[in-house]
């Protein structure tokens, strides 16, 4: 009897197990259908909103031209229009919004040039950038990296374009954004300084490197975005055993565009020549033990709050192309502050030129 019950239970388990698997797959399929439909609906609404404001802007511009002999006609027209339609359609048609609609049309006068991947909030940010090349860069990067409006705003506020221009010329920056060429060097994807305000660490005199590392892992998506294009996570505290000695590399990433490993060492203070030497050892290890023949040499990034460029230059070979010392900061600076810091870094490079 017991044997029969055991066989019966076993048979029941064999029947139930496939059903369990089917049920999970079925539920996941339905979830994917729902999520896909929601995403398409949101994109459809965003596309319609963008085209609506473009059409309103075009119509305002056309009407404005009819009274161009009056210098204040445009202002009068928008105020009158807003006063008339806002009670009926809501605050989305206030004076400021209508002014942005007109500016939107004047900035993007060709409807076919509008990108369906961008929403109205992103276009509002873009049309306020007067530099044509800078605006194109953020437009392309928003599309290429599928940025949300919040990510687009953050990158504009963090002066991504200016930080890339520190070590690159305008043509190469735009060529990469346009996908006309693939980055060939770390300088083409890395920024200086890196802005890590999303980590949420307090601005106190000292904090531990383990706190910085833990915060980065918690906000890994944002960190990889700030690092640059093409980065993916490989390992944290990678154990490296050399005979009887063991070492731990803070972070190991991989960049698919540069086709190489990237070892990142985190420091909460000033970078030293000892730090550079340790990072060089990790890079050598990856080149000799982990890198495949078809991959490019490993890159090492020493990330600290401040650095002495002369010490960095003297600690590394003159033909160094693999070790990079970068600064980071834990707050999002104002435009003026960031431009000042970028200029300081630029001048420091000029001062140590032979």
Protein backbone atom coordinates (compact mmCIF):
# COMPACT_ATOMS: atom_id res chain seq x y z
CA UNK A 1 0.00 0.00 0.00
CA UNK A 2 2.78 2.41 0.96
CA UNK A 3 4.58 1.62 -2.28
CA UNK A 4 1.41 2.38 -4.26
CA UNK A 5 0.96 5.71 -2.45
CA UNK A 6 4.60 6.59 -3.07
CA UNK A 7 4.27 5.82 -6.77
CA UNK A 8 1.04 7.83 -6.90
CA UNK A 9 2.64 10.85 -5.28
CA UNK A 10 5.62 10.59 -7.62
CA UNK A 11 3.31 10.46 -10.64
CA UNK A 12 1.36 13.47 -9.35
CA UNK A 13 4.59 15.42 -8.87
CA UNK A 14 5.63 14.56 -12.45
CA UNK A 15 2.32 15.93 -13.73
CA UNK A 16 2.40 19.04 -11.52
CA UNK A 17 5.99 20.02 -12.34
CA UNK A 18 5.39 20.74 -16.08
CA UNK A 19 2.17 22.56 -15.12
CA UNK A 20 4.16 24.74 -12.72
CA UNK A 21 6.61 25.60 -15.51
CA UNK A 22 3.86 26.28 -18.02
CA UNK A 23 2.01 28.45 -15.53
CA UNK A 24 5.10 30.64 -14.89
CA UNK A 25 5.82 30.98 -18.60
CA UNK A 26 2.18 31.79 -19.30
CA UNK A 27 2.05 34.44 -16.57
CA UNK A 28 5.32 36.00 -17.81
CA UNK A 29 3.96 36.11 -21.37
CA UNK A 30 0.81 37.89 -20.23
CA UNK A 31 2.89 40.32 -18.17
CA UNK A 32 5.04 41.08 -21.21
CA UNK A 33 1.94 41.71 -23.32
CA UNK A 34 0.55 44.14 -20.74
CA UNK A 35 3.86 45.96 -20.25
CA UNK A 36 4.40 46.19 -24.01
CA UNK A 37 0.91 47.61 -24.51
CA UNK A 38 1.46 50.16 -21.75
CA UNK A 39 4.77 51.27 -23.23
CA UNK A 40 3.24 51.63 -26.70
CA UNK A 41 0.33 53.60 -25.26
CA UNK A 42 2.68 55.95 -23.41
CA UNK A 43 4.81 56.44 -26.52
CA UNK A 44 1.69 57.09 -28.57
CA UNK A 45 0.45 59.72 -26.11
CA UNK A 46 3.90 61.35 -25.98
CA UNK A 47 4.13 61.43 -29.78
CA UNK A 48 0.68 63.00 -30.06
CA UNK A 49 1.54 65.60 -27.40
CA UNK A 50 4.78 66.54 -29.18
CA UNK A 51 3.00 66.92 -32.51
CA UNK A 52 0.18 68.91 -30.85
CA UNK A 53 2.57 71.49 -29.40
CA UNK A 54 4.48 71.63 -32.71
CA UNK A 55 1.24 72.32 -34.61
CA UNK A 56 0.20 74.96 -32.07
CA UNK A 57 3.61 76.59 -32.38
CA UNK A 58 3.39 76.61 -36.16
CA UNK A 59 -0.07 78.15 -36.08
CA UNK A 60 1.03 80.83 -33.58
CA UNK A 61 4.06 81.63 -35.74
CA UNK A 62 1.92 81.94 -38.90
CA UNK A 63 -0.61 84.17 -37.18
CA UNK A 64 2.17 86.24 -35.66
CA UNK A 65 3.58 86.98 -39.11
CA UNK A 66 0.30 88.58 -40.15
CA UNK A 67 0.81 91.31 -37.56
CA UNK A 68 4.59 91.58 -37.76
CA UNK A 69 4.37 95.34 -38.29
CA UNK A 70 3.47 95.55 -34.59
CA UNK A 71 6.48 94.79 -32.42
CA UNK A 72 4.40 93.55 -29.49
CA UNK A 73 1.88 91.59 -31.53
CA UNK A 74 3.41 88.17 -30.73
CA UNK A 75 3.21 88.75 -26.98
CA UNK A 76 -0.34 90.08 -27.25
CA UNK A 77 -1.37 87.13 -29.44
CA UNK A 78 -0.12 84.48 -27.02
CA UNK A 79 -1.60 86.15 -23.95
CA UNK A 80 -4.97 86.50 -25.66
CA UNK A 81 -4.88 82.89 -26.88
CA UNK A 82 -3.95 81.54 -23.45
CA UNK A 83 -6.66 83.55 -21.71
CA UNK A 84 -9.21 82.15 -24.16
CA UNK A 85 -8.33 78.45 -24.23
CA UNK A 86 -6.82 77.77 -20.79
CA UNK A 87 -10.20 77.81 -18.95
CA UNK A 88 -11.38 75.16 -21.40
CA UNK A 89 -8.28 72.97 -21.75
CA UNK A 90 -6.29 73.54 -18.56
CA UNK A 91 -2.89 74.80 -17.40
CA UNK A 92 -1.06 72.98 -20.18
CA UNK A 93 -1.91 75.96 -22.38
CA UNK A 94 -0.63 78.81 -20.24
CA UNK A 95 1.42 81.67 -21.65
CA UNK A 96 4.77 79.98 -20.95
CA UNK A 97 3.70 76.73 -22.60
CA UNK A 98 2.46 78.53 -25.69
CA UNK A 99 5.70 80.51 -25.89
CA UNK A 100 7.61 77.23 -25.75
CA UNK A 101 5.37 75.84 -28.51
CA UNK A 102 6.30 78.76 -30.76
CA UNK A 103 9.98 78.32 -29.88
CA UNK A 104 9.64 74.58 -30.55
CA UNK A 105 8.38 75.19 -34.07
CA UNK A 106 11.05 77.79 -34.79
CA UNK A 107 13.79 75.42 -33.55
CA UNK A 108 12.39 72.37 -35.40
CA UNK A 109 10.50 73.81 -38.39
CA UNK A 110 10.38 70.45 -40.22
CA UNK A 111 7.85 68.04 -38.71
CA UNK A 112 9.51 64.97 -40.21
CA UNK A 113 12.68 65.79 -38.29
CA UNK A 114 10.94 65.24 -34.95
CA UNK A 115 12.00 62.05 -33.20
CA UNK A 116 9.30 59.72 -31.90
CA UNK A 117 11.64 58.52 -29.11
CA UNK A 118 11.61 61.95 -27.45
CA UNK A 119 8.73 63.29 -25.38
CA UNK A 120 7.58 66.87 -24.90
CA UNK A 121 9.53 67.30 -21.65
CA UNK A 122 12.75 66.38 -23.44
CA UNK A 123 12.02 68.75 -26.32
CA UNK A 124 11.32 71.53 -23.81
CA UNK A 125 14.84 70.99 -22.47
CA UNK A 126 16.42 70.82 -25.92
CA UNK A 127 14.88 73.97 -27.39
CA UNK A 128 16.37 76.02 -24.56
CA UNK A 129 19.90 75.12 -25.74
CA UNK A 130 21.02 77.84 -28.14
CA UNK A 131 24.18 76.07 -29.37
CA UNK A 132 23.11 74.01 -32.41
CA UNK A 133 25.85 71.38 -32.01
CA UNK A 134 25.28 71.02 -28.28
CA UNK A 135 21.53 70.61 -28.83
CA UNK A 136 22.10 67.97 -31.50
CA UNK A 137 24.45 66.09 -29.18
CA UNK A 138 21.87 65.82 -26.37
CA UNK A 139 19.13 64.98 -28.85
CA UNK A 140 21.17 62.11 -30.32
CA UNK A 141 22.41 60.83 -26.96
CA UNK A 142 18.86 60.85 -25.56
CA UNK A 143 17.75 58.67 -28.47
CA UNK A 144 20.82 56.43 -28.62
CA UNK A 145 20.77 55.68 -24.89
CA UNK A 146 16.97 55.66 -24.48
CA UNK A 147 17.21 58.34 -21.80
CA UNK A 148 14.14 59.34 -19.86
CA UNK A 149 13.35 63.04 -19.55
CA UNK A 150 14.91 63.00 -16.09
CA UNK A 151 18.15 61.49 -17.45
CA UNK A 152 18.27 64.03 -20.28
CA UNK A 153 17.85 66.86 -17.79
CA UNK A 154 20.55 65.45 -15.52
CA UNK A 155 23.09 65.12 -18.32
CA UNK A 156 22.40 68.67 -19.50
CA UNK A 157 22.72 70.04 -15.96
CA UNK A 158 25.89 67.99 -15.41
CA UNK A 159 27.40 69.51 -18.57
CA UNK A 160 28.14 66.17 -20.24
CA UNK A 161 28.91 67.87 -23.56
CA UNK A 162 31.43 70.28 -22.04
CA UNK A 163 33.14 67.54 -20.04
CA UNK A 164 33.61 65.40 -23.15
CA UNK A 165 35.00 68.41 -25.02
CA UNK A 166 37.73 68.67 -22.39
CA UNK A 167 39.64 65.78 -23.99
CA UNK A 168 37.98 65.65 -27.43
CA UNK A 169 37.21 67.99 -30.29
CA UNK A 170 33.65 68.88 -31.25
CA UNK A 171 33.76 66.90 -34.49
CA UNK A 172 34.70 63.60 -32.82
CA UNK A 173 32.11 64.05 -30.04
CA UNK A 174 29.33 64.61 -32.58
CA UNK A 175 30.60 61.86 -34.90
CA UNK A 176 30.26 59.33 -32.07
CA UNK A 177 26.82 60.65 -31.12
CA UNK A 178 25.76 60.39 -34.78
CA UNK A 179 27.15 56.83 -34.85
CA UNK A 180 29.46 57.79 -37.69
CA UNK A 181 32.39 56.29 -35.79
CA UNK A 182 33.04 54.04 -32.79
CA UNK A 183 35.09 55.36 -29.85
CA UNK A 184 38.72 54.30 -30.13
CA UNK A 185 40.18 55.63 -26.87
CA UNK A 186 39.02 55.92 -23.23
CA UNK A 187 39.19 59.72 -23.52
CA UNK A 188 36.31 59.58 -26.00
CA UNK A 189 33.92 58.08 -23.46
CA UNK A 190 35.22 59.18 -20.04
CA UNK A 191 34.30 62.51 -18.45
CA UNK A 192 36.28 64.74 -16.11
CA UNK A 193 35.14 65.28 -13.44
CA UNK A 194 32.59 62.51 -12.88
CA UNK A 195 29.49 63.72 -11.07
CA UNK A 196 28.07 61.15 -8.62
CA UNK A 197 25.36 63.14 -6.85
CA UNK A 198 22.89 60.27 -7.37
CA UNK A 199 24.79 58.18 -4.77
CA UNK A 200 23.20 60.25 -2.01
CA UNK A 201 26.35 60.30 0.17
CA UNK A 202 26.58 63.08 2.72
CA UNK A 203 29.06 65.90 2.25
CA UNK A 204 31.12 65.11 5.33
CA UNK A 205 34.84 65.40 5.91
CA UNK A 206 35.49 61.66 5.75
CA UNK A 207 33.65 58.59 4.62
CA UNK A 208 34.81 55.06 3.98
CA UNK A 209 35.66 53.62 0.58
CA UNK A 210 33.32 50.71 1.34
CA UNK A 211 30.47 53.27 1.69
CA UNK A 212 31.31 54.68 -1.73
CA UNK A 213 31.48 51.21 -3.27
CA UNK A 214 28.20 50.09 -1.68
CA UNK A 215 26.45 53.25 -2.90
CA UNK A 216 27.75 52.66 -6.43
CA UNK A 217 26.45 49.07 -6.45
CA UNK A 218 23.06 50.30 -5.21
CA UNK A 219 22.95 52.88 -8.02
CA UNK A 220 24.81 50.78 -10.59
CA UNK A 221 22.66 51.80 -13.58
CA UNK A 222 23.25 55.50 -12.91
CA UNK A 223 26.95 54.90 -12.29
CA UNK A 224 27.45 53.06 -15.60
CA UNK A 225 25.60 55.87 -17.38
CA UNK A 226 27.89 58.44 -15.78
CA UNK A 227 30.97 56.37 -16.68
CA UNK A 228 30.15 56.71 -20.36
CA UNK A 229 28.83 54.71 -23.32
CA UNK A 230 29.16 50.95 -23.59
CA UNK A 231 29.95 49.99 -19.99
CA UNK A 232 28.62 46.85 -18.28
CA UNK A 233 29.24 45.37 -14.82
CA UNK A 234 31.53 42.34 -14.39
CA UNK A 235 32.59 42.00 -10.74
CA UNK A 236 32.87 43.68 -7.35
CA UNK A 237 35.87 43.08 -5.06
CA UNK A 238 37.44 40.78 -7.64
CA UNK A 239 39.87 38.46 -5.82
CA UNK A 240 43.33 38.34 -7.38
CA UNK A 241 45.64 35.67 -5.94
CA UNK A 242 49.38 36.09 -6.60
CA UNK A 243 51.19 33.16 -4.96
CA UNK A 244 50.38 33.56 -1.25
CA UNK A 245 49.19 37.16 -1.51
CA UNK A 246 45.63 38.10 -2.33
CA UNK A 247 44.31 41.44 -3.56
CA UNK A 248 40.84 42.75 -4.31
CA UNK A 249 40.02 45.06 -7.21
CA UNK A 250 37.11 47.34 -6.28
CA UNK A 251 35.13 47.16 -9.52
CA UNK A 252 35.63 45.38 -12.83
CA UNK A 253 33.63 46.58 -15.84
CA UNK A 254 33.67 45.80 -19.55
CA UNK A 255 33.27 48.27 -22.39
CA UNK A 256 31.80 46.76 -25.53
CA UNK A 257 32.72 49.76 -27.69
CA UNK A 258 36.39 49.75 -26.66
CA UNK A 259 36.30 45.93 -26.39
CA UNK A 260 38.28 45.73 -23.18
CA UNK A 261 38.09 45.15 -19.43
CA UNK A 262 38.03 48.23 -17.20
CA UNK A 263 39.36 47.98 -13.63
CA UNK A 264 38.13 50.77 -11.33
CA UNK A 265 39.80 51.58 -8.00
CA UNK A 266 37.87 53.90 -5.66
CA UNK A 267 39.56 56.37 -3.33
CA UNK A 268 37.95 58.83 -0.94
CA UNK A 269 41.00 61.09 -0.74
CA UNK A 270 43.84 62.37 -2.85
CA UNK A 271 45.30 59.95 -5.40
CA UNK A 272 48.88 58.80 -4.75
CA UNK A 273 51.62 57.11 -6.76
CA UNK A 274 51.11 53.98 -4.63
CA UNK A 275 47.48 53.86 -5.78
CA UNK A 276 48.61 54.10 -9.40
CA UNK A 277 51.12 51.30 -8.89
CA UNK A 278 48.51 48.98 -7.40
CA UNK A 279 46.08 49.72 -10.23
CA UNK A 280 48.82 49.01 -12.77
CA UNK A 281 49.29 45.58 -11.18
CA UNK A 282 45.57 44.83 -11.56
CA UNK A 283 45.65 45.93 -15.19
CA UNK A 284 48.68 43.71 -15.86
CA UNK A 285 46.88 40.76 -14.25
CA UNK A 286 43.82 41.19 -16.46
CA UNK A 287 45.94 41.57 -19.57
CA UNK A 288 47.90 38.40 -18.83
CA UNK A 289 45.23 36.19 -17.26
CA UNK A 290 41.76 37.31 -18.35
CA UNK A 291 41.97 39.17 -21.68
CA UNK A 292 41.27 37.20 -24.85
CA UNK A 293 43.68 37.59 -27.81
CA UNK A 294 41.11 39.51 -29.88
CA UNK A 295 40.34 42.00 -27.07
CA UNK A 296 42.08 45.31 -26.51
CA UNK A 297 44.41 46.03 -23.55
CA UNK A 298 42.76 46.48 -20.16
CA UNK A 299 42.09 50.01 -18.93
CA UNK A 300 42.58 51.10 -15.33
CA UNK A 301 40.66 54.02 -13.80
CA UNK A 302 41.68 55.48 -10.46
CA UNK A 303 38.73 57.47 -9.16
CA UNK A 304 39.34 59.95 -6.33
CA UNK A 305 38.17 63.29 -4.97
CA UNK A 306 41.33 65.13 -6.04
CA UNK A 307 44.65 64.49 -7.76
CA UNK A 308 48.04 65.98 -8.43
CA UNK A 309 48.44 65.92 -12.21
CA UNK A 310 52.22 66.21 -11.99
CA UNK A 311 52.42 63.19 -9.68
CA UNK A 312 50.16 61.26 -12.05
CA UNK A 313 52.28 62.22 -15.04
CA UNK A 314 55.57 61.32 -13.34
CA UNK A 315 54.25 58.03 -11.92
CA UNK A 316 53.23 56.68 -15.30
CA UNK A 317 55.23 55.96 -18.48
CA UNK A 318 55.29 58.77 -21.05
CA UNK A 319 53.49 56.55 -23.55
CA UNK A 320 50.82 55.50 -21.02
CA UNK A 321 47.47 54.80 -22.65
CA UNK A 322 45.85 52.43 -20.16
CA UNK A 323 45.92 54.07 -16.69
CA UNK A 324 43.62 57.04 -16.10
CA UNK A 325 43.27 59.14 -12.95
CA UNK A 326 39.84 60.79 -12.77
CA UNK A 327 38.20 63.02 -10.21
CA UNK A 328 34.66 62.68 -8.95
CA UNK A 329 32.37 64.87 -6.88
CA UNK A 330 29.30 64.04 -4.84
CA UNK A 331 27.10 66.97 -5.81
CA UNK A 332 25.68 68.40 -9.00
CA UNK A 333 27.44 71.74 -9.50
CA UNK A 334 25.96 74.87 -10.99
CA UNK A 335 26.81 75.72 -14.57
CA UNK A 336 29.33 78.37 -13.45
CA UNK A 337 30.99 76.01 -10.95
CA UNK A 338 31.40 73.24 -13.47
CA UNK A 339 32.79 75.51 -16.16
CA UNK A 340 35.28 76.84 -13.59
CA UNK A 341 36.36 73.31 -12.65
CA UNK A 342 36.65 72.24 -16.29
CA UNK A 343 38.84 75.27 -17.03
CA UNK A 344 41.02 74.51 -14.00
CA UNK A 345 41.58 70.95 -15.20
CA UNK A 346 42.32 72.21 -18.72
CA UNK A 347 44.89 74.69 -17.39
CA UNK A 348 46.53 72.00 -15.26
CA UNK A 349 47.05 69.91 -18.39
CA UNK A 350 48.62 72.87 -20.14
CA UNK A 351 50.93 73.58 -17.18
CA UNK A 352 52.48 70.11 -17.20
CA UNK A 353 53.07 69.90 -20.93
CA UNK A 354 56.79 69.36 -21.67
